[in-house]
Every structure is written in structure tokens, then in C-alpha cells.
Amino acid sequence: MSSITADSRTENVGRAIILTLITIGVFGVQDAISKVLVQTYSPFQITMMRYWGFAAFSLLLVMRQAPLRQALNSKVPLWQVLRGVLLMADIWFFALALRTVPLGELQAITVVYPLLVTLFAIPILGEKVGVFRFVAVAVGFAGALVIVRPGGLPLDWGVGFALSSATLYAIYIVITRKVSQFDSAATSMTYTALIGLVMSGVVGVFFWQPMGWGDFALVVTVMATTCAGHGLMVYALSMAPASVVQPFNYFSLPWAIGLSAVVFGHWIDAISLLGAAIIVAAGLVVMARERVKRVAVVPDPTLPGRE
């Protein structure tokens, strides 16, 4: 009986990993389409329309578990509001970075967020970080400097937006860990969806620009991939712990590099690729060290992986 249970768990973990990889692929396609759209339309308009799909998925998922009024009953409402604001700002910055930064380099920069999570967890959660993890974080940041070196990726507003996106997302993840001690996942999901829906709408409406049917179809595709991607990852997280599938989120980097080459004809240069590899290696080391130290990894089912 125990061998059957073990085989079942192994099978579930395998399925969760496959679903995670598919999810990352879906989000990569979404980013490529969004990059095409933001060349013509305001990132704020595209973000607003993209968030409609995200909010619809989140709220429908919540309503299957509990009434929205009950889900809004938070023990730490100010922290929940801050989470929603941070996530929305993160997505805005990411969309702004999409305009000028190639997909491969953009993904390479934003994957520094696990390293930033390690740092922000110190003041916000009171976690203790040893020398080993501090060194890994420093090495990861050195990898980012390799990418934006003189002669590499131009140090412009796009890079600033990408770094801001990674920073805000890291703080968002740390606060998600904090609120998970007090509120249910349904409550966190509801606040994230509603606050983002309001913020994206209030800003996006001022940047509205009529769309042709072809571009509108692309936006609908972005909305559909948002729902599909989040649904797949929620399913994956039901099969395996977040700590197991989280390292596979780094598949987003080679996938973004490939999409950048195929869709936009841009290849990341060898030195920038080395910098990206350093960041990924440092991130994996930090994750491994956190598992050894048993640092809690609390998944946010509404935002798997890095968008």
C-alpha cells in the first residue's frame, strides 16, 4: 500500500512539473503578444485589458469557495491593499519595459526577484539570512551588472522599469508570505483582483485608443492565456508543493530568449547570456538553501511564476 502511495505522489509531482513548464510557455507567448501590442498602444491600456482576464479568473475561483463578502473579511486589510497596489505597479512597470527591452534580456533581469525576496524578508518578516545566502545574492546581482555592462544592454528607462518590476514583485511575494499567516488564499486572491481591477481601470481609461479587429483578437488571446496560465498553475500547485515546482520557473528564461529570436529576430549576446546564467544559478542556490533552512515558501495561487 505504501509503495502505491509513493508511486502516486511521484506521478503527481511529475505532472505538476509538466504543467508548470506548460504554464511558463503560455505566459511567454502572452509576453510576446503584449510586446507586439505595446509598440502601438499604451502599456496602461493593454495592462487594463489584460487584467480583466486575470480578475475574472481570480474572482470566479474565489466564488467557488466562498461568497465575495466573506472573502473580503481580512484580518490585515492594509497589508492586503498594499499587496494589490504593489502587484499592479509591478505589472505596469513590466509592460513599460516590454516596449524597449528585448524579451530575453527582460526576463534575465526580472528573474533576480527571488534574490530580492531574500533581502526584503529580513526587515518585513524578520528572517535571518546567513553569509552563504548573502554571497549568493551578491553573485546574482553581479550577473545583472554583466547584462547591463557598458556595450551590453543600454542602461535606459526600460532597464529601470524592469528592475522596478522585479523589486516590486519581490516585496509583493514577501508580503504575501506575511498575510498568509492571517488570511486565507481566497481573501488574498479577492483583494488582488479587485484592487488591480480598479487601479488598472482608473489609469487605463485615460490612455484608451480604438483598436482594429486584428489587434483586439490579440488582446483577447492575451486575456485567454492569462486565465489558462493561472488555471494550469493552480492545478499544478494542487499536485505538488510550491518549493518543488518553483525552480522550474526559470524555464521562462530560455523560452523568452527563443521567442525573442523567432518572433522579433533578436538574439541575446553571449556575455549577457552568461550574466543570466549567473543570476539563475544564484537563485537556485538561494532556493536550495531556503529548503535546508526550512524557510516557508507560501505560494500565491493568483500569480504563479513571473509574468
Protein backbone atom coordinates (compact mmCIF):
# COMPACT_ATOMS: atom_id res chain seq x y z
CA MET A 1 0.00 0.00 0.00
CA SER A 2 2.81 2.42 0.88
CA SER A 3 4.58 1.75 -2.42
CA ILE A 4 1.37 2.56 -4.30
CA THR A 5 1.06 5.83 -2.40
CA ALA A 6 4.69 6.71 -3.13
CA ASP A 7 4.23 5.97 -6.83
CA SER A 8 1.11 8.12 -6.87
CA ARG A 9 2.96 11.04 -5.25
CA THR A 10 5.83 10.71 -7.72
CA GLU A 11 3.38 10.67 -10.61
CA ASN A 12 1.64 13.78 -9.27
CA VAL A 13 4.96 15.63 -8.91
CA GLY A 14 5.83 14.73 -12.49
CA ARG A 15 2.51 16.04 -13.73
CA ALA A 16 2.91 19.22 -11.67
CA ILE A 17 6.32 19.87 -13.24
CA ILE A 18 4.95 19.32 -16.75
CA LEU A 19 2.03 21.66 -16.04
CA THR A 20 4.44 24.26 -14.65
CA LEU A 21 6.54 24.13 -17.83
CA ILE A 22 3.41 24.44 -19.97
CA THR A 23 2.29 27.40 -17.86
CA ILE A 24 5.62 29.16 -18.32
CA GLY A 25 5.29 28.55 -22.05
CA VAL A 26 1.81 30.09 -22.06
CA PHE A 27 2.98 33.17 -20.16
CA GLY A 28 5.94 33.54 -22.52
CA VAL A 29 3.62 33.65 -25.51
CA GLN A 30 1.49 36.17 -23.62
CA ASP A 31 4.51 38.41 -23.06
CA ALA A 32 5.49 38.18 -26.74
CA ILE A 33 1.99 39.21 -27.85
CA SER A 34 1.94 42.00 -25.28
CA LYS A 35 5.29 43.26 -26.58
CA VAL A 36 3.80 43.48 -30.07
CA LEU A 37 0.76 45.36 -28.78
CA VAL A 38 2.62 47.92 -26.64
CA GLN A 39 4.51 49.11 -29.72
CA THR A 40 1.19 50.59 -30.94
CA TYR A 41 -0.95 51.02 -27.84
CA SER A 42 -0.27 52.39 -24.37
CA PRO A 43 1.04 49.81 -21.90
CA PHE A 44 -1.59 51.10 -19.48
CA GLN A 45 -4.39 50.25 -21.91
CA ILE A 46 -3.01 46.78 -22.61
CA THR A 47 -2.45 46.16 -18.90
CA MET A 48 -6.03 47.19 -18.12
CA MET A 49 -7.47 44.80 -20.70
CA ARG A 50 -5.08 42.03 -19.67
CA TYR A 51 -6.13 42.47 -16.05
CA TRP A 52 -9.77 41.93 -16.96
CA GLY A 53 -8.96 38.31 -17.72
CA PHE A 54 -6.86 37.94 -14.58
CA ALA A 55 -9.55 39.45 -12.34
CA ALA A 56 -12.33 37.38 -13.93
CA PHE A 57 -10.37 34.18 -13.33
CA SER A 58 -9.48 35.08 -9.73
CA LEU A 59 -12.99 36.16 -8.71
CA LEU A 60 -14.65 33.13 -10.31
CA LEU A 61 -12.21 30.87 -8.47
CA VAL A 62 -12.95 32.63 -5.18
CA MET A 63 -16.72 32.46 -5.62
CA ARG A 64 -16.46 28.70 -6.00
CA GLN A 65 -15.01 28.60 -2.49
CA ALA A 66 -16.82 31.36 -0.60
CA PRO A 67 -19.02 34.46 -1.08
CA LEU A 68 -17.05 37.56 -2.04
CA ARG A 69 -18.29 39.44 1.06
CA GLN A 70 -16.85 36.71 3.24
CA ALA A 71 -13.60 36.65 1.25
CA LEU A 72 -13.18 40.40 1.78
CA ASN A 73 -13.11 39.88 5.56
CA SER A 74 -9.38 40.30 6.17
CA LYS A 75 -7.54 40.43 9.48
CA VAL A 76 -4.84 42.59 7.88
CA PRO A 77 -6.68 44.72 5.28
CA LEU A 78 -3.96 47.37 4.96
CA TRP A 79 -1.36 44.74 4.10
CA GLN A 80 -3.79 43.23 1.57
CA VAL A 81 -4.37 46.62 -0.05
CA LEU A 82 -0.62 47.18 -0.23
CA ARG A 83 -0.22 43.78 -1.92
CA GLY A 84 -2.74 44.73 -4.57
CA VAL A 85 -1.09 48.09 -5.21
CA LEU A 86 2.38 46.53 -5.47
CA LEU A 87 1.23 43.87 -7.92
CA MET A 88 -0.50 46.39 -10.14
CA ALA A 89 2.55 48.67 -10.15
CA ASP A 90 4.75 45.67 -10.92
CA ILE A 91 2.67 44.77 -13.98
CA TRP A 92 2.69 48.39 -15.18
CA PHE A 93 6.48 48.57 -14.96
CA PHE A 94 6.84 45.22 -16.70
CA ALA A 95 4.58 46.38 -19.55
CA LEU A 96 6.56 49.64 -19.87
CA ALA A 97 9.81 47.66 -20.00
CA LEU A 98 8.36 45.46 -22.77
CA ARG A 99 8.35 48.44 -25.10
CA THR A 100 12.13 48.75 -25.34
CA VAL A 101 13.86 45.80 -23.66
CA PRO A 102 14.18 42.53 -25.65
CA LEU A 103 12.29 39.59 -24.15
CA GLY A 104 15.39 37.57 -23.30
CA GLU A 105 17.18 40.39 -21.51
CA LEU A 106 13.98 41.49 -19.80
CA GLN A 107 13.37 38.02 -18.41
CA ALA A 108 17.03 37.76 -17.38
CA ILE A 109 16.76 40.99 -15.37
CA THR A 110 13.43 40.25 -13.72
CA VAL A 111 14.46 36.77 -12.53
CA VAL A 112 16.53 38.49 -9.85
CA TYR A 113 13.32 38.72 -7.82
CA PRO A 114 13.97 35.54 -5.74
CA LEU A 115 17.24 37.13 -4.63
CA LEU A 116 15.43 40.32 -3.70
CA VAL A 117 12.85 38.27 -1.78
CA THR A 118 15.71 37.00 0.40
CA LEU A 119 16.73 40.57 1.24
CA PHE A 120 13.25 42.02 1.81
CA ALA A 121 12.29 39.09 4.03
CA ILE A 122 14.81 40.34 6.60
CA PRO A 123 13.05 43.62 7.58
CA ILE A 124 9.49 42.56 6.74
CA LEU A 125 9.40 39.01 8.10
CA GLY A 126 12.32 39.18 10.48
CA GLU A 127 14.06 36.26 8.77
CA LYS A 128 17.72 35.62 9.45
CA VAL A 129 19.93 35.27 6.39
CA GLY A 130 23.36 33.72 6.74
CA VAL A 131 26.57 34.56 4.94
CA PHE A 132 26.03 31.76 2.41
CA ARG A 133 22.78 33.24 1.08
CA PHE A 134 24.14 36.79 1.19
CA VAL A 135 27.03 35.72 -1.02
CA ALA A 136 24.62 34.02 -3.44
CA VAL A 137 22.52 37.20 -3.62
CA ALA A 138 25.63 39.32 -4.30
CA VAL A 139 26.70 36.94 -7.06
CA GLY A 140 23.24 37.16 -8.61
CA PHE A 141 23.35 40.95 -8.66
CA ALA A 142 26.79 40.74 -10.27
CA GLY A 143 25.14 38.71 -13.03
CA ALA A 144 22.63 41.53 -13.56
CA LEU A 145 25.50 44.01 -13.86
CA VAL A 146 27.03 41.80 -16.55
CA ILE A 147 23.86 42.17 -18.60
CA VAL A 148 23.78 45.99 -18.32
CA ARG A 149 27.56 46.37 -18.69
CA PRO A 150 28.99 49.07 -20.99
CA GLY A 151 28.48 47.78 -24.51
CA GLY A 152 25.74 45.41 -23.36
CA LEU A 153 22.08 46.22 -22.80
CA PRO A 154 21.66 50.03 -22.94
CA LEU A 155 21.09 51.46 -19.46
CA ASP A 156 17.87 53.36 -20.19
CA TRP A 157 14.36 53.77 -18.81
CA GLY A 158 13.43 50.28 -20.00
CA VAL A 159 16.07 48.69 -17.77
CA GLY A 160 14.92 50.89 -14.89
CA PHE A 161 11.34 49.73 -15.41
CA ALA A 162 12.47 46.09 -15.47
CA LEU A 163 14.41 46.44 -12.22
CA SER A 164 11.48 48.29 -10.63
CA SER A 165 9.17 45.47 -11.71
CA ALA A 166 11.42 42.83 -10.13
CA THR A 167 11.73 44.87 -6.91
CA LEU A 168 8.00 45.45 -6.50
CA TYR A 169 7.23 41.81 -7.26
CA ALA A 170 9.75 40.68 -4.63
CA ILE A 171 8.15 42.90 -1.97
CA TYR A 172 4.75 41.60 -3.07
CA ILE A 173 5.90 37.99 -2.56
CA VAL A 174 7.29 38.75 0.90
CA ILE A 175 4.07 40.47 1.97
CA THR A 176 2.12 37.51 0.57
CA ARG A 177 4.07 35.31 2.97
CA LYS A 178 3.19 37.69 5.79
CA VAL A 179 -0.56 37.90 5.14
CA SER A 180 -0.80 34.12 4.66
CA GLN A 181 -0.35 33.85 8.43
CA PHE A 182 -3.65 35.68 8.95
CA ASP A 183 -5.86 35.37 5.83
CA SER A 184 -6.94 32.59 3.51
CA ALA A 185 -5.80 32.30 -0.09
CA ALA A 186 -9.33 33.26 -1.18
CA THR A 187 -9.08 36.56 0.71
CA SER A 188 -5.69 37.37 -0.80
CA MET A 189 -7.00 36.49 -4.24
CA THR A 190 -10.04 38.74 -3.86
CA TYR A 191 -8.06 41.78 -2.75
CA THR A 192 -5.51 41.29 -5.53
CA ALA A 193 -8.20 41.03 -8.18
CA LEU A 194 -10.40 43.93 -7.04
CA ILE A 195 -7.62 46.43 -6.27
CA GLY A 196 -5.86 45.72 -9.55
CA LEU A 197 -9.12 45.93 -11.46
CA VAL A 198 -9.87 49.37 -10.01
CA MET A 199 -6.33 50.72 -10.40
CA SER A 200 -5.83 49.48 -13.95
CA GLY A 201 -9.23 50.82 -14.98
CA VAL A 202 -8.83 54.26 -13.39
CA VAL A 203 -5.48 54.77 -15.14
CA GLY A 204 -6.05 52.79 -18.33
CA VAL A 205 -9.19 54.65 -19.36
CA PHE A 206 -7.15 57.84 -19.91
CA PHE A 207 -4.93 56.02 -22.40
CA TRP A 208 -7.73 54.34 -24.33
CA GLN A 209 -7.20 54.10 -28.07
CA PRO A 210 -9.58 52.42 -30.56
CA MET A 211 -8.40 49.04 -31.82
CA GLY A 212 -8.69 47.23 -35.10
CA TRP A 213 -10.19 43.74 -35.11
CA GLY A 214 -6.79 42.10 -35.54
CA ASP A 215 -5.29 43.83 -32.51
CA PHE A 216 -8.44 43.20 -30.50
CA ALA A 217 -8.09 39.49 -31.29
CA LEU A 218 -4.54 39.63 -29.93
CA VAL A 219 -5.80 41.23 -26.71
CA VAL A 220 -8.44 38.52 -26.36
CA THR A 221 -5.66 35.96 -26.81
CA VAL A 222 -3.69 37.66 -24.02
CA MET A 223 -6.75 37.51 -21.75
CA ALA A 224 -7.32 33.84 -22.61
CA THR A 225 -3.70 32.92 -21.94
CA THR A 226 -3.89 34.75 -18.61
CA CYS A 227 -6.81 32.59 -17.48
CA ALA A 228 -5.27 29.42 -18.93
CA GLY A 229 -1.86 30.06 -17.39
CA HIS A 230 -3.17 30.79 -13.90
CA GLY A 231 -5.57 27.85 -14.07
CA LEU A 232 -2.80 25.44 -15.04
CA MET A 233 -0.51 26.61 -12.28
CA VAL A 234 -3.21 26.43 -9.62
CA TYR A 235 -3.77 22.85 -10.75
CA ALA A 236 -0.03 22.18 -10.64
CA LEU A 237 0.23 23.58 -7.09
CA SER A 238 -2.57 21.24 -6.02
CA MET A 239 -0.37 18.30 -7.06
CA ALA A 240 2.99 19.34 -5.63
CA PRO A 241 4.38 21.88 -3.12
CA ALA A 242 5.47 25.27 -4.42
CA SER A 243 9.04 24.52 -3.31
CA VAL A 244 9.14 21.61 -5.77
CA VAL A 245 7.84 23.42 -8.86
CA GLN A 246 9.34 26.86 -8.16
CA PRO A 247 12.81 26.13 -9.61
CA PHE A 248 11.21 25.21 -12.94
CA ASN A 249 10.00 28.80 -13.28
CA TYR A 250 13.50 29.53 -14.56
CA PHE A 251 12.44 27.81 -17.78
CA SER A 252 10.94 31.21 -18.58
CA LEU A 253 14.43 32.49 -19.42
CA PRO A 254 15.39 30.14 -22.29
CA TRP A 255 11.80 30.29 -23.50
CA ALA A 256 11.90 34.10 -23.63
CA ILE A 257 15.26 34.02 -25.41
CA GLY A 258 13.84 31.65 -28.02
CA LEU A 259 10.68 33.70 -28.54
CA SER A 260 12.75 36.86 -28.86
CA ALA A 261 14.81 35.25 -31.61
CA VAL A 262 11.90 33.71 -33.50
CA VAL A 263 9.30 36.49 -33.19
CA PHE A 264 11.47 39.60 -33.08
CA GLY A 265 14.72 38.40 -34.67
CA HIS A 266 16.78 39.40 -31.62
CA TRP A 267 19.43 37.09 -30.17
CA ILE A 268 20.82 37.68 -26.69
CA ASP A 269 24.61 38.09 -26.83
CA ALA A 270 26.93 35.53 -25.23
CA ILE A 271 28.08 37.76 -22.36
CA SER A 272 24.52 38.72 -21.42
CA LEU A 273 23.62 35.02 -21.56
CA LEU A 274 26.46 34.36 -19.11
CA GLY A 275 25.06 37.06 -16.81
CA ALA A 276 21.64 35.46 -17.00
CA ALA A 277 23.13 32.05 -16.16
CA ILE A 278 24.83 33.56 -13.10
CA ILE A 279 21.51 35.01 -11.89
CA VAL A 280 19.71 31.69 -12.36
CA ALA A 281 22.48 29.76 -10.60
CA ALA A 282 22.42 32.18 -7.66
CA GLY A 283 18.64 31.95 -7.46
CA LEU A 284 18.71 28.15 -7.41
CA VAL A 285 21.35 28.20 -4.68
CA VAL A 286 19.19 30.53 -2.57
CA MET A 287 16.15 28.29 -3.09
CA ALA A 288 18.13 25.20 -2.12
CA ARG A 289 19.46 26.93 0.98
CA GLU A 290 15.95 28.04 1.97
CA ARG A 291 14.77 24.43 1.76
CA VAL A 292 17.65 23.35 4.00
CA LYS A 293 16.81 26.13 6.47
CA ARG A 294 13.10 25.29 6.10
CA VAL A 295 12.12 28.84 5.19
CA ALA A 296 8.40 28.84 4.44
CA VAL A 297 7.50 29.28 0.80
CA VAL A 298 3.92 30.43 0.55
CA PRO A 299 2.56 30.29 -3.00
CA ASP A 300 0.18 32.90 -4.30
CA PRO A 301 -2.23 30.88 -6.48
CA THR A 302 -3.23 34.00 -8.38
CA LEU A 303 0.24 34.75 -9.71
CA PRO A 304 2.36 31.70 -10.43
CA GLY A 305 5.75 32.27 -11.93
CA ARG A 306 6.99 35.55 -13.22
CA GLU A 307 4.82 37.29 -15.79
